Amino acid sequence: MDNIRQLGLTPHLTSASPKVKREIASTPNDAVQLGSDNAVPEGVHKKWLFMNFIAADCNLKKYQEANIDNQELVGSDANTHIIAMIDVGPGANPLGGTWTGCRTFYVTQDNVPNKVNSPVVADHGNKVDMSDPATLTKFIVDSMAKFPSDYVALVLNDHGGGFTGALADDTDGGFMSTPQLRQALADAEKITGKKIDIIGYDACLMAEAEVAHELKDNANILLASEESELGPGWTYSGMLNKAPGMTEAIGRLQEALEQRISVSPVDFAKIVVAQNEVNQRYIPTFSATDLTKIDTLTKTVDEFAKAIIASEEKSAIKTAMTKGDKYGSGYTPYKYLRDLHNLADNVGNAVQDVAVKEAAKNVKKAFKEAIIANEHSYKYPNSEGLTIFAPTTSGSGVGYKYGDLAFAKETQWDEALVSIGKTPTGSTYLNEDMGEMYATPPEVPEFWPDGSPRKPQA
């Protein structure tokens, strides 16, 4: 598939290829209709504020809107504010309804399927760029001001491309880079004085060490998937209502007492992972990462990189790095995301170099301490919670604006990748595109993991 792209042709997913976040064949039975204007409980302090930032001005909008409908099965309660800002763009709404543009909803309980009846908090019009960090900052600040809480969760819902960025806006913008997301969170924290407790990605490939490192100072827990998400993404009703496995009797009692989300951030993160474990058809990998432990993990990766650079066993290291689970539907650069724990394990077992072996061991130890919870389907047996970008063909440079990442600035990982890329492989066959070794990687990937085109940043 990548050979086709190198010839300047547009790749297409074959009938056997997975259709990722979130292009699937099925559609809701009826059109989802958005919006009625009712009173909302502004100023009421609750235990949780659950914020959804949904960039739906792209090819995923019909599934994005359905996420709000799913959340209405539970809705806000005495413990929880649930807010959803969604931009469907200026065009026709594929799920029905008469409105266009961007609105913020206060999500309330409603059992009517495929129809969103939640009250509208604000109508933002047709000129909203959801890929602009300032838009996200304002949403966070406004939501915290109107709906105060002890704990705050923010879920970013759209395309994802690992360290290369997320949140597409096809009409009014481009996409948001990972450093831009960090800046959006930092700016919001300066204004509110409050750090995000949980940041979640209902998006592809965002459980990555580089992403976790970028967000470590502005959030406490990261929820995301190593692999692309399929189908409708997260099943919000289960995670907002009760932990999987809880009896219906206890669930009904909690609902009667209006105590659906009364747990700590760590416990809630575990609930989300457990919920996605029973949703592996659409989300085959999912993890919760303690961002307060990422500094230690990053330092061990830096020492690992230095040991690789100094090693005389680069050919063995290079071969070992290509093993493990594959992500990203074969598209570049996503196919070069590797589970970090599995990579360190494979490299450590492939060499005699004592320094490399010890550094790999330290990475695995710090990795396990950072992962709160992890789940994966049988198709991804080596997925332990976080990937890392690890191409073996980067002799001419890593590309993709990797050097803009805090992770790249604070480690020698990209230097290690260049040293590996320049190393001849000898007679060992690598399942990599060797021709890419001599190409200069672009600044922005050409496609999202579902094969849809990526616009440049606005």
Protein backbone atom coordinates (compact mmCIF):
# COMPACT_ATOMS: atom_id res chain seq x y z
CA MET A 1 0.00 0.00 0.00
CA ASP A 2 2.83 2.39 0.80
CA ASN A 3 4.51 1.55 -2.51
CA ILE A 4 1.40 2.86 -4.22
CA ARG A 5 1.63 6.07 -2.21
CA GLN A 6 5.28 6.57 -3.17
CA LEU A 7 4.21 6.52 -6.82
CA GLY A 8 1.90 9.43 -6.13
CA LEU A 9 -1.32 7.39 -6.23
CA THR A 10 -4.07 7.53 -3.65
CA PRO A 11 -4.37 4.36 -1.55
CA HIS A 12 -7.75 2.83 -0.86
CA LEU A 13 -8.70 0.46 1.90
CA THR A 14 -9.39 -3.00 0.56
CA SER A 15 -12.47 -4.95 1.53
CA ALA A 16 -10.31 -6.80 4.06
CA SER A 17 -8.91 -3.63 5.59
CA PRO A 18 -10.34 -2.38 8.91
CA LYS A 19 -12.31 0.84 8.63
CA VAL A 20 -11.13 2.92 11.49
CA LYS A 21 -12.35 5.76 13.65
CA ARG A 22 -15.00 5.78 12.69
CA GLU A 23 -16.04 4.72 9.22
CA ILE A 24 -18.15 1.55 9.48
CA ALA A 25 -20.85 0.22 7.24
CA SER A 26 -23.69 0.41 9.73
CA THR A 27 -25.64 3.60 10.45
CA PRO A 28 -28.23 4.43 13.09
CA ASN A 29 -31.74 3.24 12.29
CA ASP A 30 -33.16 6.73 12.48
CA ALA A 31 -31.77 10.21 12.14
CA VAL A 32 -30.44 11.73 15.33
CA GLN A 33 -32.02 15.11 15.91
CA LEU A 34 -30.10 17.55 18.01
CA GLY A 35 -31.31 20.06 20.44
CA SER A 36 -34.04 21.57 22.52
CA ASP A 37 -33.54 24.64 24.65
CA ASN A 38 -34.31 24.03 28.34
CA ALA A 39 -32.92 25.33 31.59
CA VAL A 40 -29.53 24.04 32.70
CA PRO A 41 -28.16 23.99 36.27
CA GLU A 42 -25.41 26.59 35.89
CA GLY A 43 -23.50 27.38 39.06
CA VAL A 44 -24.42 24.12 40.83
CA HIS A 45 -21.32 22.44 42.28
CA LYS A 46 -21.08 18.70 41.67
CA LYS A 47 -18.48 16.01 42.16
CA TRP A 48 -17.67 15.59 38.43
CA LEU A 49 -17.62 17.67 35.28
CA PHE A 50 -17.44 15.45 32.17
CA MET A 51 -16.58 17.58 29.10
CA ASN A 52 -16.83 16.33 25.52
CA PHE A 53 -15.01 18.29 22.80
CA ILE A 54 -16.30 16.79 19.55
CA ALA A 55 -14.69 17.90 16.29
CA ALA A 56 -17.30 16.51 13.88
CA ASP A 57 -16.74 18.77 10.87
CA CYS A 58 -15.21 15.85 8.98
CA ASN A 59 -16.14 12.45 7.56
CA LEU A 60 -17.04 11.13 11.03
CA LYS A 61 -19.88 13.45 12.00
CA LYS A 62 -22.72 10.93 11.87
CA TYR A 63 -20.96 8.82 14.49
CA GLN A 64 -19.90 11.80 16.59
CA GLU A 65 -23.48 12.96 17.02
CA ALA A 66 -24.56 9.47 18.02
CA ASN A 67 -22.08 9.64 20.94
CA ILE A 68 -24.20 12.36 22.55
CA ASP A 69 -27.30 10.23 22.12
CA ASN A 70 -25.49 7.36 23.85
CA GLN A 71 -24.57 9.60 26.77
CA GLU A 72 -28.22 10.59 27.16
CA LEU A 73 -29.00 7.03 28.22
CA VAL A 74 -27.40 8.10 31.52
CA GLY A 75 -27.27 11.90 31.42
CA SER A 76 -26.17 14.37 34.05
CA ASP A 77 -27.22 13.63 37.63
CA ALA A 78 -26.75 14.91 41.18
CA ASN A 79 -23.05 14.02 41.06
CA THR A 80 -22.19 14.81 37.47
CA HIS A 81 -22.34 17.57 34.87
CA ILE A 82 -22.04 16.21 31.32
CA ILE A 83 -21.27 18.83 28.66
CA ALA A 84 -20.79 18.29 24.92
CA MET A 85 -19.52 20.85 22.41
CA ILE A 86 -19.92 19.56 18.85
CA ASP A 87 -19.18 21.20 15.52
CA VAL A 88 -20.85 19.51 12.53
CA GLY A 89 -19.79 22.21 10.05
CA PRO A 90 -21.87 24.30 7.67
CA GLY A 91 -23.10 21.45 5.46
CA ALA A 92 -26.11 19.19 5.71
CA ASN A 93 -26.41 17.22 8.90
CA PRO A 94 -26.18 13.54 7.84
CA LEU A 95 -28.15 12.35 10.86
CA GLY A 96 -31.00 14.76 10.38
CA GLY A 97 -31.89 17.91 12.26
CA THR A 98 -32.22 21.44 10.93
CA TRP A 99 -29.21 23.14 12.50
CA THR A 100 -25.63 23.48 11.30
CA GLY A 101 -22.40 24.74 12.84
CA CYS A 102 -21.37 24.35 16.45
CA ARG A 103 -23.39 23.99 19.67
CA THR A 104 -22.77 23.11 23.30
CA PHE A 105 -25.27 20.81 25.00
CA TYR A 106 -25.94 20.04 28.65
CA VAL A 107 -26.48 16.28 28.37
CA THR A 108 -29.59 15.13 30.23
CA GLN A 109 -31.15 11.68 30.65
CA ASP A 110 -33.36 10.57 27.77
CA ASN A 111 -34.35 7.07 26.65
CA VAL A 112 -35.57 7.98 23.17
CA PRO A 113 -33.16 6.27 20.75
CA ASN A 114 -31.46 8.19 17.95
CA LYS A 115 -32.71 11.58 19.06
CA VAL A 116 -30.81 14.06 21.19
CA ASN A 117 -33.15 16.07 23.41
CA SER A 118 -30.56 17.68 25.69
CA PRO A 119 -30.80 21.45 26.26
CA VAL A 120 -28.55 23.80 24.29
CA VAL A 121 -26.12 25.77 26.45
CA ALA A 122 -24.79 27.87 23.56
CA ASP A 123 -25.08 28.18 19.78
CA HIS A 124 -21.65 29.14 18.42
CA GLY A 125 -22.59 29.53 14.76
CA ASN A 126 -20.93 28.30 11.58
CA LYS A 127 -17.42 29.74 11.87
CA VAL A 128 -15.86 27.65 14.63
CA ASP A 129 -12.42 26.03 14.17
CA MET A 130 -12.25 23.02 16.46
CA SER A 131 -8.58 22.54 15.54
CA ASP A 132 -7.72 25.94 17.03
CA PRO A 133 -6.24 25.56 20.55
CA ALA A 134 -7.99 28.79 21.59
CA THR A 135 -11.36 27.15 20.88
CA LEU A 136 -10.54 24.27 23.22
CA THR A 137 -9.19 26.61 25.90
CA LYS A 138 -12.38 28.69 25.87
CA PHE A 139 -14.55 25.58 26.06
CA ILE A 140 -12.69 24.32 29.12
CA VAL A 141 -12.71 27.71 30.85
CA ASP A 142 -16.39 28.37 30.16
CA SER A 143 -17.45 24.87 31.21
CA MET A 144 -15.55 25.01 34.49
CA ALA A 145 -16.98 28.44 35.27
CA LYS A 146 -20.59 27.45 34.54
CA PHE A 147 -20.49 23.94 35.97
CA PRO A 148 -18.12 23.79 38.99
CA SER A 149 -16.96 20.41 40.26
CA ASP A 150 -14.42 18.57 42.38
CA TYR A 151 -13.07 16.53 39.47
CA VAL A 152 -12.82 17.27 35.76
CA ALA A 153 -12.64 14.91 32.79
CA LEU A 154 -12.09 16.06 29.20
CA VAL A 155 -12.72 13.72 26.27
CA LEU A 156 -11.45 14.71 22.80
CA ASN A 157 -13.51 13.05 20.12
CA ASP A 158 -12.44 12.84 16.45
CA HIS A 159 -9.64 11.60 14.21
CA GLY A 160 -6.37 10.81 15.96
CA GLY A 161 -2.90 10.26 14.60
CA GLY A 162 -0.70 9.61 17.61
CA PHE A 163 2.04 12.16 18.18
CA THR A 164 1.23 13.82 14.81
CA GLY A 165 -1.95 15.37 16.19
CA ALA A 166 -5.73 15.01 16.28
CA LEU A 167 -9.02 16.94 16.02
CA ALA A 168 -9.70 17.69 12.36
CA ASP A 169 -11.83 20.60 11.12
CA ASP A 170 -12.30 20.23 7.39
CA THR A 171 -14.11 23.55 6.83
CA ASP A 172 -12.60 26.12 9.14
CA GLY A 173 -9.20 24.73 10.08
CA GLY A 174 -6.85 21.80 9.77
CA PHE A 175 -5.88 19.73 12.79
CA MET A 176 -4.46 20.33 16.26
CA SER A 177 -0.86 19.29 16.86
CA THR A 178 0.14 17.62 20.11
CA PRO A 179 2.15 20.67 21.29
CA GLN A 180 -0.86 22.87 20.49
CA LEU A 181 -3.07 20.66 22.63
CA ARG A 182 -0.64 21.00 25.50
CA GLN A 183 -0.74 24.78 25.10
CA ALA A 184 -4.55 24.78 25.11
CA LEU A 185 -4.61 22.86 28.41
CA ALA A 186 -1.87 25.04 29.91
CA ASP A 187 -3.71 28.24 28.98
CA ALA A 188 -6.94 26.93 30.49
CA GLU A 189 -5.17 25.95 33.70
CA LYS A 190 -3.66 29.43 34.03
CA ILE A 191 -7.15 30.92 33.91
CA THR A 192 -9.03 28.37 36.02
CA GLY A 193 -6.25 27.40 38.41
CA LYS A 194 -7.39 23.79 37.99
CA LYS A 195 -5.61 20.87 36.33
CA ILE A 196 -7.57 18.35 34.28
CA ASP A 197 -7.98 15.13 36.27
CA ILE A 198 -8.59 12.89 33.25
CA ILE A 199 -7.94 13.57 29.58
CA GLY A 200 -9.33 10.95 27.23
CA TYR A 201 -9.08 10.44 23.50
CA ASP A 202 -12.06 8.91 21.74
CA ALA A 203 -9.72 8.83 18.75
CA CYS A 204 -7.18 6.55 17.10
CA LEU A 205 -3.65 5.76 18.26
CA MET A 206 -3.36 8.33 21.06
CA ALA A 207 -2.04 6.05 23.83
CA GLU A 208 1.55 6.96 23.07
CA ALA A 209 4.56 7.84 25.21
CA GLU A 210 5.18 11.08 23.31
CA VAL A 211 1.56 12.18 23.82
CA ALA A 212 1.62 11.25 27.50
CA HIS A 213 4.83 13.21 28.02
CA GLU A 214 3.39 16.28 26.28
CA LEU A 215 0.35 16.32 28.56
CA LYS A 216 1.97 15.28 31.85
CA ASP A 217 2.01 18.74 33.44
CA ASN A 218 -1.58 19.65 32.58
CA ALA A 219 -3.53 16.45 33.33
CA ASN A 220 -3.22 13.57 35.78
CA ILE A 221 -4.53 10.57 33.84
CA LEU A 222 -4.56 9.72 30.12
CA LEU A 223 -7.22 7.41 28.66
CA ALA A 224 -6.59 6.28 25.09
CA SER A 225 -6.04 3.40 22.66
CA GLU A 226 -2.75 2.20 21.20
CA GLU A 227 -4.54 0.98 18.07
CA SER A 228 -7.12 2.61 15.82
CA GLU A 229 -10.66 2.67 17.15
CA LEU A 230 -13.35 0.94 15.12
CA GLY A 231 -17.06 1.54 14.86
CA PRO A 232 -18.71 3.99 17.24
CA GLY A 233 -15.74 4.35 19.60
CA TRP A 234 -16.39 4.59 23.33
CA THR A 235 -19.60 3.24 24.85
CA TYR A 236 -20.32 6.14 27.16
CA SER A 237 -23.52 4.89 28.78
CA GLY A 238 -21.77 1.99 30.51
CA MET A 239 -18.82 3.97 31.85
CA LEU A 240 -20.97 6.88 33.02
CA ASN A 241 -23.49 4.63 34.71
CA LYS A 242 -21.67 1.85 36.54
CA ALA A 243 -18.68 -0.43 36.32
CA PRO A 244 -19.06 -3.50 34.06
CA GLY A 245 -20.10 -6.55 36.03
CA MET A 246 -22.09 -4.60 38.61
CA THR A 247 -25.47 -6.23 39.19
CA GLU A 248 -28.54 -4.55 37.76
CA ALA A 249 -30.03 -4.34 41.25
CA ILE A 250 -27.05 -2.35 42.54
CA GLY A 251 -27.12 -0.26 39.37
CA ARG A 252 -30.77 0.63 39.89
CA LEU A 253 -30.09 1.46 43.54
CA GLN A 254 -27.27 3.80 42.56
CA GLU A 255 -29.49 5.46 39.99
CA ALA A 256 -32.23 5.91 42.59
CA LEU A 257 -29.70 7.51 44.91
CA GLU A 258 -28.27 9.54 42.00
CA GLN A 259 -24.76 8.27 42.68
CA ARG A 260 -23.71 7.05 39.25
CA ILE A 261 -20.30 8.73 39.18
CA SER A 262 -19.14 9.01 42.76
CA VAL A 263 -15.70 7.48 42.47
CA SER A 264 -12.18 8.94 42.40
CA PRO A 265 -10.41 9.74 39.10
CA VAL A 266 -8.26 6.61 39.34
CA ASP A 267 -11.27 4.40 39.98
CA PHE A 268 -13.20 6.05 37.16
CA ALA A 269 -10.26 5.50 34.81
CA LYS A 270 -10.31 1.79 35.70
CA ILE A 271 -14.05 1.70 34.97
CA VAL A 272 -13.48 3.15 31.49
CA VAL A 273 -10.79 0.57 30.72
CA ALA A 274 -13.02 -2.24 31.97
CA GLN A 275 -15.94 -0.93 29.91
CA ASN A 276 -13.81 -0.91 26.78
CA GLU A 277 -12.63 -4.44 27.52
CA VAL A 278 -16.18 -5.59 26.77
CA ASN A 279 -16.17 -3.35 23.69
CA GLN A 280 -13.15 -4.87 21.92
CA ARG A 281 -14.99 -5.12 18.61
CA TYR A 282 -14.59 -1.37 18.30
CA ILE A 283 -11.65 -0.67 20.60
CA PRO A 284 -9.16 -3.55 20.54
CA THR A 285 -6.67 -1.87 22.91
CA PHE A 286 -7.20 0.63 25.70
CA SER A 287 -5.26 1.90 28.70
CA ALA A 288 -5.20 4.35 31.58
CA THR A 289 -1.83 6.00 32.23
CA ASP A 290 -0.71 7.85 35.37
CA LEU A 291 0.77 11.04 33.92
CA THR A 292 2.47 11.85 37.22
CA LYS A 293 4.76 8.85 36.54
CA ILE A 294 5.71 9.87 33.00
CA ASP A 295 8.79 11.91 33.92
CA THR A 296 10.42 8.75 35.26
CA LEU A 297 9.45 6.76 32.17
CA THR A 298 10.81 9.45 29.87
CA LYS A 299 14.16 9.47 31.68
CA THR A 300 14.50 5.71 31.26
CA VAL A 301 13.72 6.03 27.53
CA ASP A 302 16.42 8.69 27.24
CA GLU A 303 18.97 6.36 28.85
CA PHE A 304 17.76 3.55 26.58
CA ALA A 305 18.29 5.82 23.55
CA LYS A 306 21.81 6.72 24.66
CA ALA A 307 22.66 3.04 25.09
CA ILE A 308 21.35 2.26 21.60
CA ILE A 309 23.40 5.08 20.07
CA ALA A 310 26.55 3.77 21.77
CA SER A 311 25.91 0.11 20.99
CA GLU A 312 27.75 -1.87 18.33
CA GLU A 313 24.76 -4.21 17.97
CA LYS A 314 22.52 -1.85 16.02
CA SER A 315 21.67 -4.41 13.36
CA ALA A 316 20.23 -6.76 16.01
CA ILE A 317 18.45 -3.85 17.68
CA LYS A 318 17.01 -2.77 14.35
CA THR A 319 15.59 -6.21 13.63
CA ALA A 320 14.18 -6.55 17.17
CA MET A 321 12.39 -3.21 16.87
CA THR A 322 10.29 -4.44 13.94
CA LYS A 323 8.66 -7.22 15.96
CA GLY A 324 5.44 -7.00 17.93
CA ASP A 325 1.88 -5.86 17.31
CA LYS A 326 1.12 -3.70 14.27
CA TYR A 327 -1.03 -0.58 14.41
CA GLY A 328 -2.42 2.08 12.12
CA SER A 329 -3.80 -0.01 9.23
CA GLY A 330 -0.46 0.02 7.45
CA TYR A 331 -0.38 3.75 6.82
CA THR A 332 2.80 5.77 7.28
CA PRO A 333 3.80 6.94 9.86
CA TYR A 334 1.29 5.14 12.08
CA LYS A 335 2.63 1.68 11.19
CA TYR A 336 5.85 2.62 12.99
CA LEU A 337 4.15 2.95 16.35
CA ARG A 338 5.35 0.10 18.58
CA ASP A 339 4.30 -0.89 22.07
CA LEU A 340 7.07 0.58 24.22
CA HIS A 341 7.19 -2.24 26.77
CA ASN A 342 7.27 -4.89 24.06
CA LEU A 343 9.93 -3.00 22.10
CA ALA A 344 12.19 -2.73 25.14
CA ASP A 345 11.66 -6.40 25.88
CA ASN A 346 12.47 -7.46 22.31
CA VAL A 347 15.59 -5.30 22.13
CA GLY A 348 16.84 -6.39 25.54
CA ASN A 349 16.50 -10.04 24.55
CA ALA A 350 18.19 -9.55 21.16
CA VAL A 351 21.53 -8.15 22.30
CA GLN A 352 24.51 -9.03 24.47
CA ASP A 353 25.26 -5.36 25.19
CA VAL A 354 24.96 -5.03 28.97
CA ALA A 355 24.16 -1.31 28.88
CA VAL A 356 21.31 -1.82 26.39
CA LYS A 357 19.92 -4.76 28.36
CA GLU A 358 19.95 -2.80 31.62
CA ALA A 359 18.40 0.27 30.02
CA ALA A 360 15.65 -1.85 28.46
CA LYS A 361 14.93 -3.42 31.84
CA ASN A 362 14.58 0.03 33.42
CA VAL A 363 12.17 1.14 30.70
CA LYS A 364 9.95 -1.88 31.36
CA LYS A 365 9.95 -1.23 35.10
CA ALA A 366 9.01 2.46 34.76
CA PHE A 367 6.43 1.56 32.12
CA LYS A 368 4.60 -0.87 34.40
CA GLU A 369 4.57 1.69 37.21
CA ALA A 370 2.94 4.28 34.93
CA ILE A 371 0.12 2.09 33.61
CA ILE A 372 -2.94 2.17 35.87
CA ALA A 373 -4.96 -0.32 33.83
CA ASN A 374 -4.70 -1.91 30.40
CA GLU A 375 -6.76 -4.19 28.19
CA HIS A 376 -6.25 -5.68 24.74
CA SER A 377 -7.92 -8.19 22.48
CA TYR A 378 -6.32 -11.51 21.51
CA LYS A 379 -5.17 -9.89 18.25
CA TYR A 380 -2.82 -7.60 20.18
CA PRO A 381 -1.12 -9.85 22.75
CA ASN A 382 1.89 -7.55 23.17
CA SER A 383 0.00 -4.30 23.72
CA GLU A 384 0.74 -3.18 27.26
CA GLY A 385 -0.61 0.38 27.25
CA LEU A 386 1.60 2.92 25.43
CA THR A 387 3.30 2.98 22.05
CA ILE A 388 6.36 4.92 20.93
CA PHE A 389 7.29 6.10 17.44
CA ALA A 390 10.04 3.74 16.28
CA PRO A 391 10.70 3.62 12.54
CA THR A 392 13.83 1.78 11.50
CA THR A 393 14.19 3.69 8.22
CA SER A 394 14.88 7.21 9.52
CA GLY A 395 18.50 7.56 8.44
CA SER A 396 17.70 10.89 6.79
CA GLY A 397 15.65 12.20 9.73
CA VAL A 398 12.48 11.36 11.62
CA GLY A 399 10.21 13.98 10.00
CA TYR A 400 6.57 14.73 10.91
CA LYS A 401 7.64 17.69 13.08
CA TYR A 402 8.77 15.15 15.67
CA GLY A 403 11.38 17.63 16.89
CA ASP A 404 8.60 19.97 18.06
CA LEU A 405 7.55 17.49 20.74
CA ALA A 406 8.71 17.98 24.32
CA PHE A 407 9.65 14.29 24.30
CA ALA A 408 12.07 14.83 21.40
CA LYS A 409 13.58 17.89 23.06
CA GLU A 410 14.11 16.13 26.37
CA THR A 411 15.40 12.77 25.12
CA GLN A 412 17.76 11.42 22.49
CA TRP A 413 15.14 9.02 21.13
CA ASP A 414 14.98 10.67 17.70
CA GLU A 415 18.79 10.62 17.52
CA ALA A 416 18.67 6.90 18.32
CA LEU A 417 16.16 6.38 15.51
CA VAL A 418 18.46 8.13 13.04
CA SER A 419 21.39 5.99 14.16
CA ILE A 420 19.29 2.85 13.66
CA GLY A 421 18.09 4.03 10.25
CA LYS A 422 21.64 4.44 9.02
CA THR A 423 22.60 0.92 10.06
CA PRO A 424 22.79 -1.75 7.32
CA THR A 425 20.59 -4.73 8.02
CA GLY A 426 22.81 -7.35 6.41
CA SER A 427 21.09 -10.59 5.46
CA THR A 428 18.30 -10.16 8.01
CA TYR A 429 14.96 -9.41 6.38
CA LEU A 430 13.01 -6.54 7.86
CA ASN A 431 9.30 -6.12 7.30
CA GLU A 432 9.79 -2.41 6.64
CA ASP A 433 9.77 -0.12 3.60
CA MET A 434 13.49 0.11 3.05
CA GLY A 435 13.06 2.67 0.30
CA GLU A 436 11.87 5.17 2.87
CA MET A 437 15.34 5.19 4.44
CA TYR A 438 16.55 7.57 1.76
CA ALA A 439 13.42 9.74 1.55
CA THR A 440 12.91 12.86 3.62
CA PRO A 441 9.73 12.24 5.66
CA PRO A 442 7.05 14.92 5.28
CA GLU A 443 5.99 17.30 8.04
CA VAL A 444 2.37 16.13 8.00
CA PRO A 445 1.01 12.65 7.19
CA GLU A 446 -0.99 12.49 4.00
CA PHE A 447 -3.81 10.45 5.54
CA TRP A 448 -5.58 9.71 8.80
CA PRO A 449 -5.52 6.05 9.87
CA ASP A 450 -8.83 5.43 8.06
CA GLY A 451 -7.33 6.54 4.75
CA SER A 452 -9.14 9.88 4.63
CA PRO A 453 -7.03 12.90 3.60
CA ARG A 454 -5.47 15.13 6.24
CA LYS A 455 -5.60 18.87 5.70
CA PRO A 456 -2.57 20.93 6.70
CA GLN A 457 -2.78 22.86 9.95
CA ALA A 458 -4.70 26.11 9.67
